[in-house]
Amino acid sequence: MREPSFARLNCSVARALAVLGDAWSLLILRDALAGVRTFEGFMRGLGIARNTLTDRLRHLVEEGMLAQMDVGKRGTRFEYVPTQKAKEFQAPLMAIMQWGDRWVSGPGNEPVVAVDRESGAAIKPLIVRSTSGRAVSSDELMYKPGRGATTVTRDYLLAKNKRAVVRKT
């Protein structure tokens, strides 16, 4: 899989998208996190072309999202197991699903409902919260340079935040 040009941007979202790949990769991760392990299992569930699946699985293994386990004789059969890196992607994947339930499928038309395995209770919508626990809406959210910010990113964010403060007053 060819690396998208945005992988070199000074942005965690862009870099994460380069690791994740494309929509097929997200669906493969979704299925892997739900317990699918074999090439045939992914093919059956996704209806994806063999060459595309091969490419995406290779990419996800190279990026450390899936571990390829040899369960056949001398490399004849593999299983793909989510790594800790993939397991920690469950929350962003859940956020995408919840957004799709609300804005694409529509409330009451959810194709799949995520539930807690122990209690059977539905998972509550994910909410962006401050460190104090207060829910923060998109209108209240602001970005500032982090430790990994380049000079370009720092200048861009500082100028953007300055304009936002001027507009507020």
Protein backbone atom coordinates (compact mmCIF):
# COMPACT_ATOMS: atom_id res chain seq x y z
CA MET A 1 0.00 0.00 0.00
CA ARG A 2 1.44 3.36 -1.02
CA GLU A 3 1.95 5.88 1.77
CA PRO A 4 -0.33 8.92 1.38
CA SER A 5 1.52 12.22 1.10
CA PHE A 6 -0.21 13.54 4.23
CA ALA A 7 1.72 11.02 6.36
CA ARG A 8 4.50 13.60 6.61
CA LEU A 9 2.25 16.39 7.88
CA ASN A 10 2.80 17.63 11.43
CA CYS A 11 -0.63 16.40 12.48
CA SER A 12 -1.63 13.36 14.52
CA VAL A 13 -4.86 12.93 12.53
CA ALA A 14 -2.98 12.86 9.21
CA ARG A 15 -0.34 10.48 10.57
CA ALA A 16 -3.00 8.19 12.08
CA LEU A 17 -4.80 8.08 8.72
CA ALA A 18 -1.54 7.05 7.06
CA VAL A 19 -1.22 4.16 9.55
CA LEU A 20 -4.87 3.15 9.22
CA GLY A 21 -4.86 3.25 5.43
CA ASP A 22 -8.28 3.51 3.87
CA ALA A 23 -11.90 2.50 4.42
CA TRP A 24 -11.10 -1.16 3.74
CA SER A 25 -8.47 -1.11 6.47
CA LEU A 26 -10.96 0.34 8.94
CA LEU A 27 -13.48 -2.38 8.09
CA ILE A 28 -10.80 -5.07 8.43
CA LEU A 29 -9.90 -3.67 11.87
CA ARG A 30 -13.59 -3.56 12.80
CA ASP A 31 -13.95 -7.24 11.91
CA ALA A 32 -10.66 -8.23 13.56
CA LEU A 33 -11.71 -6.51 16.79
CA ALA A 34 -15.01 -8.43 16.56
CA GLY A 35 -13.15 -11.75 16.32
CA VAL A 36 -12.55 -12.43 12.61
CA ARG A 37 -9.06 -13.94 12.23
CA THR A 38 -8.69 -15.60 8.83
CA PHE A 39 -8.26 -14.35 5.28
CA GLU A 40 -11.37 -16.27 4.27
CA GLY A 41 -13.32 -14.81 7.19
CA PHE A 42 -12.47 -11.26 6.08
CA MET A 43 -13.32 -12.15 2.46
CA ARG A 44 -16.67 -13.63 3.44
CA GLY A 45 -17.67 -10.74 5.70
CA LEU A 46 -16.47 -7.88 3.51
CA GLY A 47 -16.83 -9.09 -0.08
CA ILE A 48 -13.42 -7.53 -0.75
CA ALA A 49 -11.20 -8.48 -3.70
CA ARG A 50 -8.39 -10.92 -2.78
CA ASN A 51 -5.60 -8.60 -3.95
CA THR A 52 -7.06 -5.65 -2.02
CA LEU A 53 -7.42 -7.74 1.15
CA THR A 54 -3.87 -9.07 0.78
CA ASP A 55 -2.55 -5.52 0.41
CA ARG A 56 -4.52 -4.15 3.38
CA LEU A 57 -3.61 -7.05 5.69
CA ARG A 58 0.07 -6.63 4.78
CA HIS A 59 -0.16 -2.90 5.53
CA LEU A 60 -1.90 -3.45 8.90
CA VAL A 61 0.72 -6.04 9.88
CA GLU A 62 3.57 -3.70 8.83
CA GLU A 63 2.01 -0.88 10.89
CA GLY A 64 1.73 -3.12 13.96
CA MET A 65 -2.08 -3.10 14.06
CA LEU A 66 -2.40 -6.84 13.38
CA ALA A 67 -0.04 -9.70 14.19
CA GLN A 68 0.22 -12.42 11.55
CA MET A 69 0.29 -15.82 13.25
CA ASP A 70 1.32 -18.92 11.29
CA VAL A 71 -1.24 -21.62 12.12
CA GLY A 72 -0.60 -23.83 9.09
CA LYS A 73 2.33 -25.86 7.88
CA ARG A 74 5.33 -23.72 6.93
CA GLY A 75 3.45 -20.52 6.13
CA THR A 76 0.41 -22.02 4.43
CA ARG A 77 -2.26 -20.59 6.73
CA PHE A 78 -2.28 -17.45 8.85
CA GLU A 79 -4.49 -15.78 11.39
CA TYR A 80 -4.53 -12.04 11.95
CA VAL A 81 -4.75 -11.04 15.60
CA PRO A 82 -5.31 -7.46 16.79
CA THR A 83 -2.35 -6.03 18.69
CA GLN A 84 -2.66 -3.68 21.65
CA LYS A 85 -2.25 -0.83 19.17
CA ALA A 86 -5.38 -2.06 17.31
CA LYS A 87 -7.30 -2.71 20.53
CA GLU A 88 -6.76 0.90 21.54
CA PHE A 89 -8.35 1.92 18.24
CA GLN A 90 -11.68 0.51 19.51
CA ALA A 91 -12.74 3.89 20.95
CA PRO A 92 -12.16 5.88 17.72
CA LEU A 93 -13.88 3.11 15.76
CA MET A 94 -16.82 3.25 18.18
CA ALA A 95 -16.99 7.03 17.73
CA ILE A 96 -17.18 6.59 13.93
CA MET A 97 -19.92 3.99 14.35
CA GLN A 98 -21.92 6.21 16.71
CA TRP A 99 -21.57 9.17 14.34
CA GLY A 100 -22.78 6.94 11.46
CA ASP A 101 -25.73 5.74 13.56
CA ARG A 102 -26.78 9.32 14.20
CA TRP A 103 -26.05 11.04 10.90
CA VAL A 104 -26.13 8.28 8.27
CA SER A 105 -28.43 5.46 9.43
CA GLY A 106 -30.51 7.68 11.68
CA PRO A 107 -31.57 7.05 15.28
CA GLY A 108 -33.59 3.86 15.55
CA ASN A 109 -32.06 2.44 12.34
CA GLU A 110 -28.70 1.32 13.71
CA PRO A 111 -27.44 -1.74 11.77
CA VAL A 112 -25.48 -2.95 14.82
CA VAL A 113 -25.75 -2.02 18.48
CA ALA A 114 -22.59 -2.20 20.59
CA VAL A 115 -23.19 -3.65 24.05
CA ASP A 116 -21.16 -4.41 27.13
CA ARG A 117 -20.43 -8.16 27.01
CA GLU A 118 -20.84 -8.47 30.80
CA SER A 119 -24.11 -6.60 31.34
CA GLY A 120 -25.62 -6.58 27.85
CA ALA A 121 -26.25 -2.84 28.23
CA ALA A 122 -25.81 -0.60 25.17
CA ILE A 123 -22.65 1.51 25.03
CA LYS A 124 -23.29 5.18 25.78
CA PRO A 125 -22.29 7.75 23.14
CA LEU A 126 -18.67 8.84 23.47
CA ILE A 127 -18.24 12.43 24.59
CA VAL A 128 -15.19 14.72 24.44
CA ARG A 129 -14.41 15.77 28.01
CA SER A 130 -11.91 18.09 29.66
CA THR A 131 -9.57 16.71 32.32
CA SER A 132 -12.10 17.89 34.92
CA GLY A 133 -14.76 15.68 33.30
CA ARG A 134 -16.82 18.51 31.80
CA ALA A 135 -18.32 17.74 28.38
CA VAL A 136 -16.73 20.00 25.74
CA SER A 137 -18.69 20.82 22.57
CA SER A 138 -16.98 21.42 19.24
CA ASP A 139 -17.70 25.15 19.65
CA GLU A 140 -15.78 25.15 22.93
CA LEU A 141 -12.80 23.19 21.61
CA MET A 142 -9.55 24.91 20.70
CA TYR A 143 -6.18 23.53 19.60
CA LYS A 144 -2.82 24.79 20.79
CA PRO A 145 0.71 23.66 19.91
CA GLY A 146 1.96 20.51 21.61
CA ARG A 147 5.52 19.40 22.31
CA GLY A 148 5.81 17.80 18.88
CA ALA A 149 4.64 20.89 16.98
CA THR A 150 6.91 22.21 14.25
CA THR A 151 7.46 25.94 13.90
CA VAL A 152 4.95 26.01 11.02
CA THR A 153 2.29 24.24 13.10
CA ARG A 154 3.00 26.45 16.12
CA ASP A 155 2.75 29.66 14.08
CA TYR A 156 -0.43 28.48 12.34
CA LEU A 157 -2.20 27.58 15.59
CA LEU A 158 -1.10 30.70 17.46
CA ALA A 159 -2.32 32.93 14.60
CA LYS A 160 -5.58 30.96 14.33
CA ASN A 161 -6.23 31.20 18.07
CA LYS A 162 -5.43 34.92 18.04
CA ARG A 163 -8.02 35.48 15.26
CA ALA A 164 -10.59 33.42 17.23
CA VAL A 165 -10.12 35.59 20.33
CA VAL A 166 -10.44 38.80 18.25
CA ARG A 167 -13.71 37.52 16.71
CA LYS A 168 -15.12 36.66 20.15
CA THR A 169 -14.59 40.18 21.52
